[in-house]
Amino acid sequence: MRRYSVIITPEEGAYIVDVPALPGCHSVGDTIPEALENIRDAITLYIAVLRERGEPIPEEQEPIQAIQISVAA
């Protein structure tokens, strides 16, 4: 079992999901649960392609931390 942090970004009625540890691994969903289900499928396929190519599977070293800050603009 592998664990990866994901970033969920709301955008015009949908949710975009990115996996920073897996470059180019992205998905989308109409709801957060759907987006998470879709990204699980995308991660599974991403890893399957790496295995087929004999490439190493990236491991996430430390979970990503997201912090919201305020700045004067």
N, C-alpha and C. Protein backbone atom coordinates (compact mmCIF):
# COMPACT_ATOMS: atom_id res chain seq x y z
N MET A 1 0.85 -1.18 0.00
CA MET A 1 0.00 0.00 0.00
C MET A 1 0.90 1.24 0.00
N ARG A 2 0.63 2.15 -0.91
CA ARG A 2 1.37 3.41 -0.99
C ARG A 2 0.44 4.54 -0.60
N ARG A 3 1.03 5.60 -0.04
CA ARG A 3 0.25 6.77 0.36
C ARG A 3 0.84 7.99 -0.33
N TYR A 4 -0.04 8.81 -0.89
CA TYR A 4 0.37 10.04 -1.55
C TYR A 4 -0.53 11.18 -1.11
N SER A 5 0.08 12.34 -0.93
CA SER A 5 -0.69 13.56 -0.67
C SER A 5 -1.27 14.04 -1.99
N VAL A 6 -2.47 14.60 -1.92
CA VAL A 6 -3.09 15.18 -3.11
C VAL A 6 -3.50 16.61 -2.79
N ILE A 7 -3.55 17.41 -3.82
CA ILE A 7 -4.01 18.80 -3.70
C ILE A 7 -5.32 18.91 -4.46
N ILE A 8 -6.35 19.38 -3.77
CA ILE A 8 -7.67 19.53 -4.38
C ILE A 8 -7.93 21.02 -4.56
N THR A 9 -8.23 21.41 -5.79
CA THR A 9 -8.50 22.80 -6.10
C THR A 9 -9.88 22.94 -6.71
N PRO A 10 -10.78 23.70 -6.06
CA PRO A 10 -12.09 23.91 -6.67
C PRO A 10 -11.96 24.85 -7.86
N GLU A 11 -12.67 24.50 -8.94
CA GLU A 11 -12.58 25.33 -10.14
C GLU A 11 -13.86 25.22 -10.95
N GLU A 12 -14.65 26.27 -10.99
CA GLU A 12 -15.86 26.37 -11.82
C GLU A 12 -16.74 25.12 -11.76
N GLY A 13 -17.20 24.74 -10.56
CA GLY A 13 -18.11 23.63 -10.42
C GLY A 13 -17.49 22.26 -10.44
N ALA A 14 -16.18 22.18 -10.41
CA ALA A 14 -15.49 20.89 -10.40
C ALA A 14 -14.33 20.97 -9.41
N TYR A 15 -13.69 19.84 -9.19
CA TYR A 15 -12.53 19.78 -8.31
C TYR A 15 -11.38 19.14 -9.08
N ILE A 16 -10.28 19.88 -9.18
CA ILE A 16 -9.07 19.39 -9.84
C ILE A 16 -8.19 18.78 -8.75
N VAL A 17 -7.64 17.60 -9.01
CA VAL A 17 -6.78 16.93 -8.03
C VAL A 17 -5.43 16.65 -8.67
N ASP A 18 -4.36 17.03 -7.95
CA ASP A 18 -2.99 16.82 -8.39
C ASP A 18 -2.24 16.00 -7.35
N VAL A 19 -1.28 15.21 -7.81
CA VAL A 19 -0.43 14.41 -6.93
C VAL A 19 1.00 14.92 -7.12
N PRO A 20 1.47 15.79 -6.24
CA PRO A 20 2.80 16.38 -6.42
C PRO A 20 3.94 15.37 -6.55
N ALA A 21 3.85 14.24 -5.87
CA ALA A 21 4.92 13.24 -5.93
C ALA A 21 4.94 12.47 -7.25
N LEU A 22 3.85 12.59 -8.02
CA LEU A 22 3.75 11.88 -9.30
C LEU A 22 3.54 12.92 -10.41
N PRO A 23 4.60 13.46 -10.96
CA PRO A 23 4.48 14.52 -11.97
C PRO A 23 3.55 14.12 -13.12
N GLY A 24 2.59 15.00 -13.40
CA GLY A 24 1.66 14.76 -14.50
C GLY A 24 0.44 13.94 -14.11
N CYS A 25 0.35 13.53 -12.85
CA CYS A 25 -0.79 12.74 -12.41
C CYS A 25 -1.86 13.69 -11.88
N HIS A 26 -2.94 13.84 -12.64
CA HIS A 26 -4.02 14.77 -12.32
C HIS A 26 -5.35 14.08 -12.60
N SER A 27 -6.40 14.58 -11.98
CA SER A 27 -7.74 14.11 -12.27
C SER A 27 -8.73 15.20 -11.90
N VAL A 28 -10.01 14.92 -12.12
CA VAL A 28 -11.06 15.90 -11.85
C VAL A 28 -12.32 15.15 -11.44
N GLY A 29 -13.20 15.84 -10.74
CA GLY A 29 -14.50 15.28 -10.38
C GLY A 29 -15.47 16.40 -10.08
N ASP A 30 -16.75 16.09 -10.18
CA ASP A 30 -17.79 17.08 -9.89
C ASP A 30 -17.93 17.34 -8.40
N THR A 31 -17.58 16.33 -7.58
CA THR A 31 -17.61 16.45 -6.13
C THR A 31 -16.26 16.01 -5.59
N ILE A 32 -15.99 16.35 -4.33
CA ILE A 32 -14.72 15.91 -3.74
C ILE A 32 -14.64 14.38 -3.68
N PRO A 33 -15.68 13.67 -3.22
CA PRO A 33 -15.57 12.20 -3.22
C PRO A 33 -15.32 11.62 -4.62
N GLU A 34 -15.98 12.18 -5.62
CA GLU A 34 -15.76 11.70 -6.99
C GLU A 34 -14.34 12.01 -7.44
N ALA A 35 -13.86 13.19 -7.14
CA ALA A 35 -12.49 13.57 -7.52
C ALA A 35 -11.47 12.64 -6.86
N LEU A 36 -11.70 12.29 -5.58
CA LEU A 36 -10.77 11.39 -4.88
C LEU A 36 -10.82 9.98 -5.46
N GLU A 37 -12.00 9.53 -5.82
CA GLU A 37 -12.12 8.21 -6.45
C GLU A 37 -11.38 8.21 -7.79
N ASN A 38 -11.55 9.28 -8.55
CA ASN A 38 -10.89 9.38 -9.86
C ASN A 38 -9.38 9.45 -9.73
N ILE A 39 -8.88 10.17 -8.71
CA ILE A 39 -7.43 10.28 -8.58
C ILE A 39 -6.84 8.94 -8.12
N ARG A 40 -7.58 8.19 -7.33
CA ARG A 40 -7.10 6.84 -6.96
C ARG A 40 -6.91 5.99 -8.22
N ASP A 41 -7.88 6.06 -9.13
CA ASP A 41 -7.76 5.32 -10.39
C ASP A 41 -6.57 5.83 -11.20
N ALA A 42 -6.40 7.15 -11.24
CA ALA A 42 -5.29 7.74 -12.00
C ALA A 42 -3.94 7.31 -11.43
N ILE A 43 -3.83 7.30 -10.10
CA ILE A 43 -2.58 6.87 -9.46
C ILE A 43 -2.30 5.41 -9.78
N THR A 44 -3.32 4.57 -9.71
CA THR A 44 -3.16 3.15 -10.02
C THR A 44 -2.65 2.96 -11.45
N LEU A 45 -3.23 3.69 -12.40
CA LEU A 45 -2.79 3.59 -13.80
C LEU A 45 -1.39 4.15 -13.98
N TYR A 46 -1.09 5.25 -13.31
CA TYR A 46 0.23 5.87 -13.39
C TYR A 46 1.30 4.88 -12.95
N ILE A 47 1.05 4.23 -11.81
CA ILE A 47 2.01 3.26 -11.28
C ILE A 47 2.12 2.05 -12.20
N ALA A 48 1.01 1.60 -12.77
CA ALA A 48 1.03 0.46 -13.70
C ALA A 48 1.90 0.76 -14.91
N VAL A 49 1.80 1.98 -15.44
CA VAL A 49 2.62 2.37 -16.59
C VAL A 49 4.10 2.39 -16.21
N LEU A 50 4.42 2.93 -15.04
CA LEU A 50 5.81 2.93 -14.60
C LEU A 50 6.35 1.51 -14.48
N ARG A 51 5.55 0.60 -13.92
CA ARG A 51 5.98 -0.80 -13.80
C ARG A 51 6.21 -1.43 -15.16
N GLU A 52 5.30 -1.18 -16.11
CA GLU A 52 5.45 -1.73 -17.46
C GLU A 52 6.75 -1.25 -18.11
N ARG A 53 7.11 -0.01 -17.84
CA ARG A 53 8.33 0.57 -18.42
C ARG A 53 9.58 0.22 -17.62
N GLY A 54 9.40 -0.44 -16.49
CA GLY A 54 10.55 -0.78 -15.65
C GLY A 54 11.14 0.43 -14.93
N GLU A 55 10.35 1.48 -14.78
CA GLU A 55 10.81 2.70 -14.12
C GLU A 55 10.51 2.65 -12.63
N PRO A 56 11.29 3.36 -11.83
CA PRO A 56 11.02 3.36 -10.39
C PRO A 56 9.71 4.08 -10.06
N ILE A 57 9.08 3.62 -9.01
CA ILE A 57 7.83 4.22 -8.55
C ILE A 57 8.18 5.23 -7.45
N PRO A 58 7.86 6.50 -7.67
CA PRO A 58 8.20 7.52 -6.68
C PRO A 58 7.52 7.27 -5.34
N GLU A 59 8.26 7.51 -4.28
CA GLU A 59 7.73 7.45 -2.93
C GLU A 59 7.64 8.88 -2.42
N GLU A 60 6.59 9.19 -1.71
CA GLU A 60 6.48 10.51 -1.09
C GLU A 60 7.31 10.48 0.19
N GLN A 61 8.27 11.38 0.28
CA GLN A 61 9.17 11.38 1.43
C GLN A 61 8.49 11.93 2.68
N GLU A 62 7.83 13.06 2.55
CA GLU A 62 7.10 13.66 3.67
C GLU A 62 5.78 14.19 3.15
N PRO A 63 4.71 14.04 3.92
CA PRO A 63 3.43 14.57 3.46
C PRO A 63 3.51 16.08 3.25
N ILE A 64 2.79 16.54 2.26
CA ILE A 64 2.73 17.96 1.96
C ILE A 64 1.90 18.66 3.03
N GLN A 65 2.30 19.86 3.37
CA GLN A 65 1.53 20.66 4.31
C GLN A 65 1.00 21.87 3.57
N ALA A 66 -0.28 22.10 3.70
CA ALA A 66 -0.90 23.28 3.08
C ALA A 66 -1.33 24.21 4.20
N ILE A 67 -0.88 25.43 4.12
CA ILE A 67 -1.22 26.44 5.12
C ILE A 67 -1.70 27.68 4.38
N GLN A 68 -2.81 28.23 4.80
CA GLN A 68 -3.32 29.44 4.18
C GLN A 68 -2.79 30.65 4.95
N ILE A 69 -2.23 31.61 4.22
CA ILE A 69 -1.72 32.81 4.85
C ILE A 69 -2.38 34.04 4.21
N SER A 70 -2.35 35.15 4.93
CA SER A 70 -2.90 36.40 4.41
C SER A 70 -1.75 37.35 4.11
N VAL A 71 -1.88 38.09 3.02
CA VAL A 71 -0.88 39.10 2.66
C VAL A 71 -1.60 40.37 2.21
N ALA A 72 -0.96 41.50 2.42
CA ALA A 72 -1.54 42.75 1.95
C ALA A 72 -1.38 42.81 0.43
N ALA A 73 -2.43 43.18 -0.24
CA ALA A 73 -2.35 43.24 -1.70
C ALA A 73 -2.86 44.58 -2.19
